[in-house]
Amino acid sequence: DVKAEWHFNNLIFNRDEIMLGREFLRQSLMRERILNRVNEAYFERRRLQIQKQLNSFPNSQAKIEAALKLQELTAELNGFTGGWFSK
């Protein structure tokens, strides 16, 4: 036995194309948000590194907080890069 089916409604317009388009858009927006966060974290980390080199902290507490924030940003960037950042 042989059976053939024709779905002419999918010939011109396929509903799956809309789903794929939406998924592509969603992934593109997510990628853009991630890239923005990586850029923010990287440059915030660089600012802290420069402050540390210039020793421009008003007191010991600010210096400790900056050191912790630097570690936090490094860990975040490592998470985004699969550990590549700290290598």
Protein backbone atom coordinates (compact mmCIF):
# COMPACT_ATOMS: atom_id res chain seq x y z
CA ASP A 1 0.00 0.00 0.00
CA VAL A 2 1.18 3.49 -0.85
CA LYS A 3 -0.34 6.64 0.52
CA ALA A 4 0.32 10.22 -0.55
CA GLU A 5 -0.96 13.38 1.09
CA TRP A 6 -0.84 16.93 -0.19
CA HIS A 7 -1.00 19.90 2.14
CA PHE A 8 -1.54 22.85 -0.16
CA ASN A 9 -2.12 25.22 2.75
CA ASN A 10 1.60 24.88 3.64
CA LEU A 11 2.72 25.43 0.08
CA ILE A 12 2.33 29.22 0.22
CA PHE A 13 2.36 29.92 3.94
CA ASN A 14 3.76 27.76 6.72
CA ARG A 15 2.90 28.67 10.32
CA ASP A 16 6.20 27.22 11.51
CA GLU A 17 7.97 30.11 9.79
CA ILE A 18 6.36 32.55 12.23
CA MET A 19 7.45 30.44 15.20
CA LEU A 20 11.00 30.23 13.86
CA GLY A 21 11.08 33.96 13.23
CA ARG A 22 9.95 34.72 16.77
CA GLU A 23 12.49 32.29 18.23
CA PHE A 24 15.27 33.85 16.16
CA LEU A 25 14.26 37.32 17.35
CA ARG A 26 14.09 36.17 20.97
CA GLN A 27 17.56 34.61 20.77
CA SER A 28 18.97 37.71 19.08
CA LEU A 29 17.62 39.95 21.83
CA MET A 30 18.97 37.63 24.51
CA ARG A 31 22.39 37.61 22.85
CA GLU A 32 22.39 41.40 22.68
CA ARG A 33 21.52 41.69 26.39
CA ILE A 34 24.29 39.26 27.29
CA LEU A 35 26.84 41.14 25.18
CA ASN A 36 25.81 44.43 26.79
CA ARG A 37 26.22 42.94 30.26
CA VAL A 38 29.64 41.51 29.36
CA ASN A 39 30.76 44.93 28.10
CA GLU A 40 29.48 46.66 31.24
CA ALA A 41 31.17 44.15 33.54
CA TYR A 42 34.45 44.30 31.62
CA PHE A 43 34.74 48.09 31.70
CA GLU A 44 33.57 48.36 35.29
CA ARG A 45 36.31 45.87 36.15
CA ARG A 46 38.88 47.91 34.18
CA ARG A 47 37.89 51.08 36.05
CA LEU A 48 38.42 49.32 39.37
CA GLN A 49 41.79 48.00 38.23
CA ILE A 50 42.90 51.51 37.27
CA GLN A 51 41.67 52.92 40.59
CA LYS A 52 43.62 50.18 42.36
CA GLN A 53 46.80 51.03 40.43
CA LEU A 54 46.39 54.72 41.18
CA ASN A 55 45.53 53.90 44.81
CA SER A 56 42.67 56.41 44.64
CA PHE A 57 40.46 54.96 47.39
CA PRO A 58 39.43 57.32 50.18
CA ASN A 59 39.79 54.70 52.94
CA SER A 60 40.46 51.03 53.69
CA GLN A 61 36.79 50.07 53.55
CA ALA A 62 36.43 51.47 50.02
CA LYS A 63 39.57 49.61 48.99
CA ILE A 64 38.22 46.32 50.39
CA GLU A 65 34.83 46.82 48.72
CA ALA A 66 36.53 47.56 45.41
CA ALA A 67 38.66 44.41 45.72
CA LEU A 68 35.56 42.32 46.34
CA LYS A 69 33.73 43.94 43.45
CA LEU A 70 36.74 43.24 41.23
CA GLN A 71 36.59 39.55 42.20
CA GLU A 72 32.83 39.50 41.62
CA LEU A 73 33.18 41.00 38.14
CA THR A 74 36.00 38.58 37.29
CA ALA A 75 33.81 35.65 38.36
CA GLU A 76 30.90 36.99 36.29
CA LEU A 77 33.11 37.37 33.21
CA ASN A 78 34.47 33.86 33.78
CA GLY A 79 30.90 32.59 33.86
CA PHE A 80 30.15 34.26 30.55
CA THR A 81 33.36 33.00 28.93
CA GLY A 82 33.52 29.49 30.37
CA GLY A 83 36.58 30.29 32.50
CA TRP A 84 38.54 31.79 29.62
CA PHE A 85 38.66 35.26 31.14
CA SER A 86 40.88 34.42 34.11
CA LYS A 87 43.34 32.41 31.99
